[in-house]
Amino acid sequence: MASNPSQHEAPRGPGGITTLAGVKSNETAVGGASGPGVDGDSQPIGPATCLYVVSTPIGNLGDMTYRAVSVLRSVSLVVAEDTRHTGVLLKHFEITAPMVSYHAHNRVARLPRILDALGRGDVALVTDAGTPVISDPGQELVAAAWVAGARVEALPGASAPMAALAVCGMPFSSAHFVGFFPRRGTERGFEAPHRLEACLADMMVVFGNREVAVCNDLTKKFERVFRGTITAAIADAQSHPPRGEYTLVVAGHVEGADNPGPFSEPDSVTRIDALRKRFDELASGEGGTRGALRTLVAESGLSRKLLYREFITRA
């Protein structure tokens, strides 16, 4: 936990799980949110004004940088994911700049107003916690600011993925950032703390029993990091009811390891045997292997590529 004599914590947003999965050396992949493009008819602004992309604390207000405070005090407008949440932060640092909300539900409609403000003075973009744009709103605004000719500058600071990588203790030369898990079905992933155990169980099926670091409430008063195998992490989650914010770091696949496949761990044998039996039953019907694969993807929530490799390519 970062030191902070007053032990102030940043306002808490909704709980969530963020995931980092290690990848092979020399392989880097960064995901980005997709959204509407920038209007080609946007009016030019010019480099006289700047859009500052400002990182804010992920839990401990002592992690706020001097530069971030200075910039937020100087700009003509603060663009915030949630003005109520950011209002607590601004009040703590005695910042009186006006705010406007900018989130997933109004980002298109709100863009012209923000660009108009940027044409008249500097603007700061913040999110509820951490670095804006990274799994948070802001991509369209940053792109539009560049197109309009304004300057765009980043003020680095707190970031849950970087903090988790720093404390996980795993060797890596690159990392794959997954972001927040989608909620349902065939996309199988979880964003809420109470679903942590089920999330880890799905990882066990897909990745095998790899090393994992489960980072809970980083920088906050009750920060906790569990390190071990995925099966050990599941047991730990059962004995420590999940609460707060989570970031998961999963070790990457090692070429030539004894456990290269997602289904090779003894803990996965029962699940895979059941899937194999179901696949054989379906394949014997009118739909054949193609129909069996399609049905199994829908029933299991696993990817078609994964099931094809295990039940057809390796058959």
C-alpha atoms as a PDB file:
ATOM      1  CA  MET A   1       0.000   0.000   0.000  1.00  0.00           C
ATOM      2  CA  ALA A   2       1.309   3.452  -0.855  1.00  0.00           C
ATOM      3  CA  SER A   3       2.163   5.505   2.192  1.00  0.00           C
ATOM      4  CA  ASN A   4      -0.228   8.285   3.096  1.00  0.00           C
ATOM      5  CA  PRO A   5      -0.254   9.682   6.623  1.00  0.00           C
ATOM      6  CA  SER A   6      -3.935  10.625   6.504  1.00  0.00           C
ATOM      7  CA  GLN A   7      -5.002   7.239   5.096  1.00  0.00           C
ATOM      8  CA  HIS A   8      -7.534   8.939   2.827  1.00  0.00           C
ATOM      9  CA  GLU A   9      -9.031   6.724   0.157  1.00  0.00           C
ATOM     10  CA  ALA A  10     -10.407   7.773  -3.171  1.00  0.00           C
ATOM     11  CA  PRO A  11     -14.178   7.429  -3.514  1.00  0.00           C
ATOM     12  CA  ARG A  12     -15.089   3.848  -4.346  1.00  0.00           C
ATOM     13  CA  GLY A  13     -16.719   3.024  -7.644  1.00  0.00           C
ATOM     14  CA  PRO A  14     -18.518  -0.206  -8.479  1.00  0.00           C
ATOM     15  CA  GLY A  15     -16.497  -3.336  -7.729  1.00  0.00           C
ATOM     16  CA  GLY A  16     -14.860  -5.076 -10.609  1.00  0.00           C
ATOM     17  CA  ILE A  17     -12.340  -7.524 -11.906  1.00  0.00           C
ATOM     18  CA  THR A  18      -9.658  -6.579 -14.387  1.00  0.00           C
ATOM     19  CA  THR A  19      -7.469  -9.246 -15.933  1.00  0.00           C
ATOM     20  CA  LEU A  20      -3.947  -9.390 -17.258  1.00  0.00           C
ATOM     21  CA  ALA A  21      -2.766 -12.576 -18.914  1.00  0.00           C
ATOM     22  CA  GLY A  22       0.943 -12.923 -19.578  1.00  0.00           C
ATOM     23  CA  VAL A  23       2.029 -13.717 -23.127  1.00  0.00           C
ATOM     24  CA  LYS A  24       5.160 -14.997 -24.814  1.00  0.00           C
ATOM     25  CA  SER A  25       8.255 -12.850 -25.070  1.00  0.00           C
ATOM     26  CA  ASN A  26       8.229 -10.250 -27.861  1.00  0.00           C
ATOM     27  CA  GLU A  27       4.448 -10.426 -28.125  1.00  0.00           C
ATOM     28  CA  THR A  28       2.450  -7.368 -27.110  1.00  0.00           C
ATOM     29  CA  ALA A  29      -1.283  -6.953 -27.469  1.00  0.00           C
ATOM     30  CA  VAL A  30      -3.337  -4.018 -26.266  1.00  0.00           C
ATOM     31  CA  GLY A  31      -7.111  -4.038 -26.573  1.00  0.00           C
ATOM     32  CA  GLY A  32      -9.133  -0.896 -27.205  1.00  0.00           C
ATOM     33  CA  ALA A  33     -12.781  -0.046 -26.967  1.00  0.00           C
ATOM     34  CA  SER A  34     -14.552   0.472 -30.253  1.00  0.00           C
ATOM     35  CA  GLY A  35     -16.986   3.266 -30.809  1.00  0.00           C
ATOM     36  CA  PRO A  36     -18.267   5.893 -33.211  1.00  0.00           C
ATOM     37  CA  GLY A  37     -15.699   7.642 -35.320  1.00  0.00           C
ATOM     38  CA  VAL A  38     -14.773  11.308 -35.304  1.00  0.00           C
ATOM     39  CA  ASP A  39     -16.903  13.583 -37.437  1.00  0.00           C
ATOM     40  CA  GLY A  40     -14.861  14.708 -40.402  1.00  0.00           C
ATOM     41  CA  ASP A  41     -16.605  18.116 -40.309  1.00  0.00           C
ATOM     42  CA  SER A  42     -15.261  19.028 -36.849  1.00  0.00           C
ATOM     43  CA  GLN A  43     -14.090  22.626 -36.614  1.00  0.00           C
ATOM     44  CA  PRO A  44     -10.316  23.100 -36.217  1.00  0.00           C
ATOM     45  CA  ILE A  45      -9.136  24.166 -32.775  1.00  0.00           C
ATOM     46  CA  GLY A  46      -5.372  24.518 -33.132  1.00  0.00           C
ATOM     47  CA  PRO A  47      -2.491  23.805 -30.742  1.00  0.00           C
ATOM     48  CA  ALA A  48      -3.078  26.830 -28.499  1.00  0.00           C
ATOM     49  CA  THR A  49      -5.239  24.733 -26.167  1.00  0.00           C
ATOM     50  CA  CYS A  50      -4.640  21.296 -24.692  1.00  0.00           C
ATOM     51  CA  LEU A  51      -6.648  18.252 -23.674  1.00  0.00           C
ATOM     52  CA  TYR A  52      -4.957  16.812 -20.599  1.00  0.00           C
ATOM     53  CA  VAL A  53      -5.560  13.098 -19.954  1.00  0.00           C
ATOM     54  CA  VAL A  54      -5.159  13.013 -16.176  1.00  0.00           C
ATOM     55  CA  SER A  55      -4.633   9.885 -14.086  1.00  0.00           C
ATOM     56  CA  THR A  56      -6.223   9.908 -10.634  1.00  0.00           C
ATOM     57  CA  PRO A  57      -5.773   7.592  -7.604  1.00  0.00           C
ATOM     58  CA  ILE A  58      -7.171   4.064  -7.700  1.00  0.00           C
ATOM     59  CA  GLY A  59      -7.763   4.045  -3.957  1.00  0.00           C
ATOM     60  CA  ASN A  60      -5.285   6.094  -1.945  1.00  0.00           C
ATOM     61  CA  LEU A  61      -5.550   9.872  -2.385  1.00  0.00           C
ATOM     62  CA  GLY A  62      -1.877  10.127  -1.429  1.00  0.00           C
ATOM     63  CA  ASP A  63      -1.096   8.824  -4.928  1.00  0.00           C
ATOM     64  CA  MET A  64      -2.410  12.017  -6.564  1.00  0.00           C
ATOM     65  CA  THR A  65       0.512  13.768  -8.292  1.00  0.00           C
ATOM     66  CA  TYR A  66       1.417  17.425  -7.788  1.00  0.00           C
ATOM     67  CA  ARG A  67       1.166  17.965 -11.525  1.00  0.00           C
ATOM     68  CA  ALA A  68      -2.344  16.491 -11.665  1.00  0.00           C
ATOM     69  CA  VAL A  69      -3.539  18.837  -8.929  1.00  0.00           C
ATOM     70  CA  SER A  70      -1.894  21.814 -10.658  1.00  0.00           C
ATOM     71  CA  VAL A  71      -3.444  21.017 -14.044  1.00  0.00           C
ATOM     72  CA  LEU A  72      -6.920  20.384 -12.629  1.00  0.00           C
ATOM     73  CA  ARG A  73      -6.768  23.766 -10.901  1.00  0.00           C
ATOM     74  CA  SER A  74      -5.781  25.524 -14.108  1.00  0.00           C
ATOM     75  CA  VAL A  75      -8.145  24.084 -16.742  1.00  0.00           C
ATOM     76  CA  SER A  76     -11.415  25.684 -17.800  1.00  0.00           C
ATOM     77  CA  LEU A  77     -13.327  22.379 -17.686  1.00  0.00           C
ATOM     78  CA  VAL A  78     -12.966  18.930 -16.132  1.00  0.00           C
ATOM     79  CA  VAL A  79     -14.533  16.110 -18.160  1.00  0.00           C
ATOM     80  CA  ALA A  80     -15.472  13.348 -15.718  1.00  0.00           C
ATOM     81  CA  GLU A  81     -16.919   9.856 -16.045  1.00  0.00           C
ATOM     82  CA  ASP A  82     -19.079  10.552 -12.975  1.00  0.00           C
ATOM     83  CA  THR A  83     -19.200  14.147 -11.691  1.00  0.00           C
ATOM     84  CA  ARG A  84     -20.375  13.030  -8.244  1.00  0.00           C
ATOM     85  CA  HIS A  85     -17.432  10.683  -7.868  1.00  0.00           C
ATOM     86  CA  THR A  86     -14.888  13.179  -9.213  1.00  0.00           C
ATOM     87  CA  GLY A  87     -16.477  15.952  -7.152  1.00  0.00           C
ATOM     88  CA  VAL A  88     -15.273  14.242  -3.975  1.00  0.00           C
ATOM     89  CA  LEU A  89     -11.731  14.166  -5.362  1.00  0.00           C
ATOM     90  CA  LEU A  90     -11.786  17.826  -6.446  1.00  0.00           C
ATOM     91  CA  LYS A  91     -13.193  18.950  -3.105  1.00  0.00           C
ATOM     92  CA  HIS A  92     -10.423  17.123  -1.228  1.00  0.00           C
ATOM     93  CA  PHE A  93      -7.758  19.019  -3.184  1.00  0.00           C
ATOM     94  CA  GLU A  94      -9.709  22.320  -3.161  1.00  0.00           C
ATOM     95  CA  ILE A  95     -10.175  22.346  -6.923  1.00  0.00           C
ATOM     96  CA  THR A  96     -13.086  24.461  -8.149  1.00  0.00           C
ATOM     97  CA  ALA A  97     -12.997  23.894 -11.922  1.00  0.00           C
ATOM     98  CA  PRO A  98     -16.427  23.256 -13.490  1.00  0.00           C
ATOM     99  CA  MET A  99     -17.224  19.690 -14.497  1.00  0.00           C
ATOM    100  CA  VAL A 100     -19.223  17.958 -17.208  1.00  0.00           C
ATOM    101  CA  SER A 101     -20.078  14.261 -17.363  1.00  0.00           C
ATOM    102  CA  TYR A 102     -18.762  12.081 -20.176  1.00  0.00           C
ATOM    103  CA  HIS A 103     -19.544   8.369 -20.105  1.00  0.00           C
ATOM    104  CA  ALA A 104     -20.611   5.435 -22.259  1.00  0.00           C
ATOM    105  CA  HIS A 105     -24.215   6.625 -22.523  1.00  0.00           C
ATOM    106  CA  ASN A 106     -23.634  10.258 -23.543  1.00  0.00           C
ATOM    107  CA  ARG A 107     -20.193  10.284 -25.155  1.00  0.00           C
ATOM    108  CA  VAL A 108     -21.489  10.976 -28.671  1.00  0.00           C
ATOM    109  CA  ALA A 109     -23.986  13.690 -27.729  1.00  0.00           C
ATOM    110  CA  ARG A 110     -21.599  15.394 -25.308  1.00  0.00           C
ATOM    111  CA  LEU A 111     -18.593  15.512 -27.669  1.00  0.00           C
ATOM    112  CA  PRO A 112     -19.481  18.803 -29.499  1.00  0.00           C
ATOM    113  CA  ARG A 113     -19.893  20.669 -26.200  1.00  0.00           C
ATOM    114  CA  ILE A 114     -16.517  19.482 -24.932  1.00  0.00           C
ATOM    115  CA  LEU A 115     -14.757  20.330 -28.192  1.00  0.00           C
ATOM    116  CA  ASP A 116     -16.318  23.803 -28.070  1.00  0.00           C
ATOM    117  CA  ALA A 117     -14.895  24.274 -24.575  1.00  0.00           C
ATOM    118  CA  LEU A 118     -11.527  23.000 -25.790  1.00  0.00           C
ATOM    119  CA  GLY A 119     -11.555  25.650 -28.496  1.00  0.00           C
ATOM    120  CA  ARG A 120     -11.731  28.314 -25.782  1.00  0.00           C
ATOM    121  CA  GLY A 121      -9.379  26.870 -23.145  1.00  0.00           C
ATOM    122  CA  ASP A 122      -7.601  23.843 -21.725  1.00  0.00           C
ATOM    123  CA  VAL A 123      -9.695  20.815 -20.737  1.00  0.00           C
ATOM    124  CA  ALA A 124      -8.862  17.873 -18.448  1.00  0.00           C
ATOM    125  CA  LEU A 125     -10.223  14.353 -18.918  1.00  0.00           C
ATOM    126  CA  VAL A 126     -10.455  12.139 -15.820  1.00  0.00           C
ATOM    127  CA  THR A 127     -12.087   8.842 -14.965  1.00  0.00           C
ATOM    128  CA  ASP A 128     -13.443   7.532 -11.673  1.00  0.00           C
ATOM    129  CA  ALA A 129     -10.088   5.973 -10.819  1.00  0.00           C
ATOM    130  CA  GLY A 130      -6.822   5.349 -12.619  1.00  0.00           C
ATOM    131  CA  THR A 131      -5.917   6.328 -16.164  1.00  0.00           C
ATOM    132  CA  PRO A 132      -8.655   7.548 -18.535  1.00  0.00           C
ATOM    133  CA  VAL A 133      -9.324   5.739 -21.831  1.00  0.00           C
ATOM    134  CA  ILE A 134      -7.880   2.435 -20.531  1.00  0.00           C
ATOM    135  CA  SER A 135     -11.121   0.420 -20.220  1.00  0.00           C
ATOM    136  CA  ASP A 136     -12.845   3.743 -19.524  1.00  0.00           C
ATOM    137  CA  PRO A 137     -14.491   6.495 -21.597  1.00  0.00           C
ATOM    138  CA  GLY A 138     -12.349   8.953 -23.542  1.00  0.00           C
ATOM    139  CA  GLN A 139     -11.140   7.306 -26.740  1.00  0.00           C
ATOM    140  CA  GLU A 140     -13.472   9.305 -29.002  1.00  0.00           C
ATOM    141  CA  LEU A 141     -12.649  12.564 -27.239  1.00  0.00           C
ATOM    142  CA  VAL A 142      -8.907  12.071 -27.553  1.00  0.00           C
ATOM    143  CA  ALA A 143      -9.241  11.173 -31.244  1.00  0.00           C
ATOM    144  CA  ALA A 144     -11.491  14.175 -31.887  1.00  0.00           C
ATOM    145  CA  ALA A 145      -9.063  16.518 -30.133  1.00  0.00           C
ATOM    146  CA  TRP A 146      -6.220  15.330 -32.359  1.00  0.00           C
ATOM    147  CA  VAL A 147      -8.344  15.721 -35.498  1.00  0.00           C
ATOM    148  CA  ALA A 148      -9.313  19.246 -34.432  1.00  0.00           C
ATOM    149  CA  GLY A 149      -5.644  20.185 -34.069  1.00  0.00           C
ATOM    150  CA  ALA A 150      -5.501  20.586 -30.292  1.00  0.00           C
ATOM    151  CA  ARG A 151      -2.596  19.331 -28.223  1.00  0.00           C
ATOM    152  CA  VAL A 152      -3.141  16.157 -26.209  1.00  0.00           C
ATOM    153  CA  GLU A 153      -0.936  15.444 -23.207  1.00  0.00           C
ATOM    154  CA  ALA A 154      -0.975  12.549 -20.741  1.00  0.00           C
ATOM    155  CA  LEU A 155      -0.397  13.006 -17.037  1.00  0.00           C
ATOM    156  CA  PRO A 156       0.668   9.511 -15.927  1.00  0.00           C
ATOM    157  CA  GLY A 157      -0.184   8.209 -12.509  1.00  0.00           C
ATOM    158  CA  ALA A 158      -2.072   5.408 -10.788  1.00  0.00           C
ATOM    159  CA  SER A 159      -3.034   2.376 -12.876  1.00  0.00           C
ATOM    160  CA  ALA A 160      -4.398  -0.899 -11.504  1.00  0.00           C
ATOM    161  CA  PRO A 161      -2.880  -3.077 -14.289  1.00  0.00           C
ATOM    162  CA  MET A 162       0.586  -1.581 -13.812  1.00  0.00           C
ATOM    163  CA  ALA A 163       0.339  -1.835 -10.024  1.00  0.00           C
ATOM    164  CA  ALA A 164      -0.727  -5.480 -10.276  1.00  0.00           C
ATOM    165  CA  LEU A 165       2.144  -6.330 -12.611  1.00  0.00           C
ATOM    166  CA  ALA A 166       4.569  -4.644 -10.235  1.00  0.00           C
ATOM    167  CA  VAL A 167       3.542  -6.761  -7.231  1.00  0.00           C
ATOM    168  CA  CYS A 168       2.684 -10.097  -8.900  1.00  0.00           C
ATOM    169  CA  GLY A 169       6.248 -11.432  -8.754  1.00  0.00           C
ATOM    170  CA  MET A 170       5.963 -13.216 -12.109  1.00  0.00           C
ATOM    171  CA  PRO A 171       8.589 -12.993 -14.858  1.00  0.00           C
ATOM    172  CA  PHE A 172       7.378 -11.190 -17.967  1.00  0.00           C
ATOM    173  CA  SER A 173       8.754  -9.127 -20.837  1.00  0.00           C
ATOM    174  CA  SER A 174       5.326  -8.239 -22.190  1.00  0.00           C
ATOM    175  CA  ALA A 175       1.738  -8.553 -21.073  1.00  0.00           C
ATOM    176  CA  HIS A 176      -1.700  -8.834 -22.621  1.00  0.00           C
ATOM    177  CA  PHE A 177      -4.297  -6.516 -21.108  1.00  0.00           C
ATOM    178  CA  VAL A 178      -7.801  -7.971 -21.247  1.00  0.00           C
ATOM    179  CA  GLY A 179      -9.798  -5.309 -19.408  1.00  0.00           C
ATOM    180  CA  PHE A 180     -13.144  -5.873 -17.729  1.00  0.00           C
ATOM    181  CA  PHE A 181     -14.790  -9.208 -18.347  1.00  0.00           C
ATOM    182  CA  PRO A 182     -18.041  -9.215 -20.313  1.00  0.00           C
ATOM    183  CA  ARG A 183     -21.033 -10.343 -18.305  1.00  0.00           C
ATOM    184  CA  ARG A 184     -22.592 -13.236 -20.018  1.00  0.00           C
ATOM    185  CA  GLY A 185     -22.924 -16.526 -21.681  1.00  0.00           C
ATOM    186  CA  THR A 186     -20.612 -17.442 -24.485  1.00  0.00           C
ATOM    187  CA  GLU A 187     -18.298 -14.537 -23.641  1.00  0.00           C
ATOM    188  CA  ARG A 188     -17.979 -16.050 -20.143  1.00  0.00           C
ATOM    189  CA  GLY A 189     -16.355 -13.561 -17.869  1.00  0.00           C
ATOM    190  CA  PHE A 190     -17.169 -11.643 -14.705  1.00  0.00           C
ATOM    191  CA  GLU A 191     -16.882  -8.070 -13.526  1.00  0.00           C
ATOM    192  CA  ALA A 192     -18.355  -8.305 -10.025  1.00  0.00           C
ATOM    193  CA  PRO A 193     -16.382  -9.342  -6.916  1.00  0.00           C
ATOM    194  CA  HIS A 194     -18.921 -11.949  -5.821  1.00  0.00           C
ATOM    195  CA  ARG A 195     -18.275 -13.789  -9.101  1.00  0.00           C
ATOM    196  CA  LEU A 196     -14.537 -14.102  -8.521  1.00  0.00           C
ATOM    197  CA  GLU A 197     -14.629 -17.823  -7.715  1.00  0.00           C
ATOM    198  CA  ALA A 198     -16.570 -18.678 -10.882  1.00  0.00           C
ATOM    199  CA  CYS A 199     -14.217 -16.501 -12.937  1.00  0.00           C
ATOM    200  CA  LEU A 200     -11.197 -18.386 -11.622  1.00  0.00           C
ATOM    201  CA  ALA A 201     -12.908 -21.701 -12.336  1.00  0.00           C
ATOM    202  CA  ASP A 202     -13.402 -20.697 -15.968  1.00  0.00           C
ATOM    203  CA  MET A 203      -9.752 -19.653 -16.169  1.00  0.00           C
ATOM    204  CA  MET A 204      -8.820 -23.108 -14.922  1.00  0.00           C
ATOM    205  CA  VAL A 205     -10.671 -24.669 -17.843  1.00  0.00           C
ATOM    206  CA  VAL A 206      -9.241 -22.323 -20.462  1.00  0.00           C
ATOM    207  CA  PHE A 207      -5.671 -21.815 -19.233  1.00  0.00           C
ATOM    208  CA  GLY A 208      -4.973 -24.860 -17.094  1.00  0.00           C
ATOM    209  CA  ASN A 209      -3.658 -24.573 -13.560  1.00  0.00           C
ATOM    210  CA  ARG A 210      -1.303 -21.660 -14.151  1.00  0.00           C
ATOM    211  CA  GLU A 211       0.161 -19.285 -11.609  1.00  0.00           C
ATOM    212  CA  VAL A 212      -2.075 -16.329 -10.799  1.00  0.00           C
ATOM    213  CA  ALA A 213      -1.926 -13.210  -8.664  1.00  0.00           C
ATOM    214  CA  VAL A 214      -5.267 -12.044  -7.282  1.00  0.00           C
ATOM    215  CA  CYS A 215      -4.806  -8.383  -6.352  1.00  0.00           C
ATOM    216  CA  ASN A 216      -7.536  -6.934  -4.160  1.00  0.00           C
ATOM    217  CA  ASP A 217      -8.077  -3.234  -3.368  1.00  0.00           C
ATOM    218  CA  LEU A 218      -4.611  -2.139  -4.465  1.00  0.00           C
ATOM    219  CA  THR A 219      -3.334   0.990  -2.630  1.00  0.00           C
ATOM    220  CA  LYS A 220      -6.272   0.905  -0.198  1.00  0.00           C
ATOM    221  CA  LYS A 221      -6.216   0.269   3.543  1.00  0.00           C
ATOM    222  CA  PHE A 222      -6.980  -3.455   3.257  1.00  0.00           C
ATOM    223  CA  GLU A 223      -4.901  -4.199   0.164  1.00  0.00           C
ATOM    224  CA  ARG A 224      -4.330  -7.929  -0.292  1.00  0.00           C
ATOM    225  CA  VAL A 225      -2.456  -9.962  -2.924  1.00  0.00           C
ATOM    226  CA  PHE A 226      -2.816 -13.728  -3.178  1.00  0.00           C
ATOM    227  CA  ARG A 227      -0.198 -15.587  -5.220  1.00  0.00           C
ATOM    228  CA  GLY A 228      -0.430 -19.250  -6.196  1.00  0.00           C
ATOM    229  CA  THR A 229      -2.018 -21.601  -8.693  1.00  0.00           C
ATOM    230  CA  ILE A 230      -5.522 -21.003 -10.009  1.00  0.00           C
ATOM    231  CA  THR A 231      -6.879 -23.935  -7.971  1.00  0.00           C
ATOM    232  CA  ALA A 232      -5.257 -22.498  -4.841  1.00  0.00           C
ATOM    233  CA  ALA A 233      -6.768 -19.108  -5.653  1.00  0.00           C
ATOM    234  CA  ILE A 234     -10.218 -20.711  -5.911  1.00  0.00           C
ATOM    235  CA  ALA A 235      -9.771 -22.219  -2.453  1.00  0.00           C
ATOM    236  CA  ASP A 236      -8.606 -18.866  -1.119  1.00  0.00           C
ATOM    237  CA  ALA A 237     -11.651 -17.114  -2.610  1.00  0.00           C
ATOM    238  CA  GLN A 238     -13.884 -19.619  -0.816  1.00  0.00           C
ATOM    239  CA  SER A 239     -12.277 -18.810   2.534  1.00  0.00           C
ATOM    240  CA  HIS A 240     -12.102 -15.025   1.932  1.00  0.00           C
ATOM    241  CA  PRO A 241     -15.451 -13.733   0.632  1.00  0.00           C
ATOM    242  CA  PRO A 242     -14.619 -11.365  -2.249  1.00  0.00           C
ATOM    243  CA  ARG A 243     -15.225  -7.644  -1.810  1.00  0.00           C
ATOM    244  CA  GLY A 244     -13.873  -4.456  -3.360  1.00  0.00           C
ATOM    245  CA  GLU A 245     -11.852  -4.147  -6.567  1.00  0.00           C
ATOM    246  CA  TYR A 246      -9.874  -6.990  -8.161  1.00  0.00           C
ATOM    247  CA  THR A 247      -7.117  -7.199 -10.739  1.00  0.00           C
ATOM    248  CA  LEU A 248      -5.983 -10.659 -11.856  1.00  0.00           C
ATOM    249  CA  VAL A 249      -2.583 -11.439 -13.346  1.00  0.00           C
ATOM    250  CA  VAL A 250      -2.290 -14.850 -15.042  1.00  0.00           C
ATOM    251  CA  ALA A 251       1.084 -16.324 -15.980  1.00  0.00           C
ATOM    252  CA  GLY A 252       1.738 -16.741 -19.685  1.00  0.00           C
ATOM    253  CA  HIS A 253       2.127 -20.004 -21.551  1.00  0.00           C
ATOM    254  CA  VAL A 254       5.689 -21.351 -21.557  1.00  0.00           C
ATOM    255  CA  GLU A 255       6.816 -23.183 -24.708  1.00  0.00           C
ATOM    256  CA  GLY A 256       7.838 -26.763 -23.978  1.00  0.00           C
ATOM    257  CA  ALA A 257       6.218 -26.834 -20.550  1.00  0.00           C
ATOM    258  CA  ASP A 258       4.716 -30.070 -19.275  1.00  0.00           C
ATOM    259  CA  ASN A 259       1.354 -28.317 -19.109  1.00  0.00           C
ATOM    260  CA  PRO A 260       0.987 -26.526 -22.465  1.00  0.00           C
ATOM    261  CA  GLY A 261      -2.716 -27.073 -23.098  1.00  0.00           C
ATOM    262  CA  PRO A 262      -5.721 -25.550 -21.368  1.00  0.00           C
ATOM    263  CA  PHE A 263      -7.147 -29.008 -20.669  1.00  0.00           C
ATOM    264  CA  SER A 264      -4.029 -30.801 -19.496  1.00  0.00           C
ATOM    265  CA  GLU A 265      -4.310 -30.351 -15.718  1.00  0.00           C
ATOM    266  CA  PRO A 266      -5.692 -33.231 -13.593  1.00  0.00           C
ATOM    267  CA  ASP A 267      -8.248 -30.804 -12.102  1.00  0.00           C
ATOM    268  CA  SER A 268      -9.740 -30.354 -15.578  1.00  0.00           C
ATOM    269  CA  VAL A 269     -10.081 -34.041 -16.434  1.00  0.00           C
ATOM    270  CA  THR A 270     -13.657 -34.438 -15.195  1.00  0.00           C
ATOM    271  CA  ARG A 271     -14.874 -31.395 -17.113  1.00  0.00           C
ATOM    272  CA  ILE A 272     -13.116 -32.397 -20.325  1.00  0.00           C
ATOM    273  CA  ASP A 273     -14.364 -35.997 -20.134  1.00  0.00           C
ATOM    274  CA  ALA A 274     -17.910 -34.660 -19.844  1.00  0.00           C
ATOM    275  CA  LEU A 275     -17.394 -32.333 -22.792  1.00  0.00           C
ATOM    276  CA  ARG A 276     -15.903 -35.157 -24.866  1.00  0.00           C
ATOM    277  CA  LYS A 277     -18.862 -37.422 -24.087  1.00  0.00           C
ATOM    278  CA  ARG A 278     -21.327 -34.694 -25.023  1.00  0.00           C
ATOM    279  CA  PHE A 279     -19.410 -33.941 -28.243  1.00  0.00           C
ATOM    280  CA  ASP A 280     -19.475 -37.615 -29.274  1.00  0.00           C
ATOM    281  CA  GLU A 281     -23.215 -37.788 -28.601  1.00  0.00           C
ATOM    282  CA  LEU A 282     -23.895 -34.714 -30.717  1.00  0.00           C
ATOM    283  CA  ALA A 283     -21.518 -35.771 -33.506  1.00  0.00           C
ATOM    284  CA  SER A 284     -23.361 -39.056 -33.936  1.00  0.00           C
ATOM    285  CA  GLY A 285     -26.524 -37.165 -34.816  1.00  0.00           C
ATOM    286  CA  GLU A 286     -27.621 -35.559 -38.072  1.00  0.00           C
ATOM    287  CA  GLY A 287     -25.498 -32.442 -37.597  1.00  0.00           C
ATOM    288  CA  GLY A 288     -22.216 -34.346 -37.548  1.00  0.00           C
ATOM    289  CA  THR A 289     -19.058 -32.840 -36.091  1.00  0.00           C
ATOM    290  CA  ARG A 290     -19.857 -29.358 -37.387  1.00  0.00           C
ATOM    291  CA  GLY A 291     -23.246 -29.308 -35.696  1.00  0.00           C
ATOM    292  CA  ALA A 292     -21.793 -30.863 -32.560  1.00  0.00           C
ATOM    293  CA  LEU A 293     -19.154 -28.157 -32.373  1.00  0.00           C
ATOM    294  CA  ARG A 294     -21.722 -25.392 -32.821  1.00  0.00           C
ATOM    295  CA  THR A 295     -23.965 -26.795 -30.091  1.00  0.00           C
ATOM    296  CA  LEU A 296     -21.085 -27.374 -27.680  1.00  0.00           C
ATOM    297  CA  VAL A 297     -19.873 -23.791 -28.099  1.00  0.00           C
ATOM    298  CA  ALA A 298     -23.348 -22.548 -27.116  1.00  0.00           C
ATOM    299  CA  GLU A 299     -23.675 -24.959 -24.200  1.00  0.00           C
ATOM    300  CA  SER A 300     -20.196 -24.625 -22.690  1.00  0.00           C
ATOM    301  CA  GLY A 301     -19.398 -20.962 -23.317  1.00  0.00           C
ATOM    302  CA  LEU A 302     -15.936 -21.985 -24.601  1.00  0.00           C
ATOM    303  CA  SER A 303     -14.549 -20.673 -27.868  1.00  0.00           C
ATOM    304  CA  ARG A 304     -15.026 -22.583 -31.108  1.00  0.00           C
ATOM    305  CA  LYS A 305     -11.301 -22.448 -31.785  1.00  0.00           C
ATOM    306  CA  LEU A 306     -10.520 -24.033 -28.427  1.00  0.00           C
ATOM    307  CA  LEU A 307     -13.053 -26.853 -28.811  1.00  0.00           C
ATOM    308  CA  TYR A 308     -12.036 -27.498 -32.423  1.00  0.00           C
ATOM    309  CA  ARG A 309      -8.405 -27.923 -31.398  1.00  0.00           C
ATOM    310  CA  GLU A 310      -9.200 -30.276 -28.519  1.00  0.00           C
ATOM    311  CA  PHE A 311     -11.893 -32.455 -30.064  1.00  0.00           C
ATOM    312  CA  ILE A 312     -11.168 -32.433 -33.816  1.00  0.00           C
ATOM    313  CA  THR A 313      -7.557 -31.493 -34.472  1.00  0.00           C
ATOM    314  CA  ARG A 314      -6.252 -33.742 -31.667  1.00  0.00           C
ATOM    315  CA  ALA A 315      -8.764 -36.536 -32.285  1.00  0.00           C
END
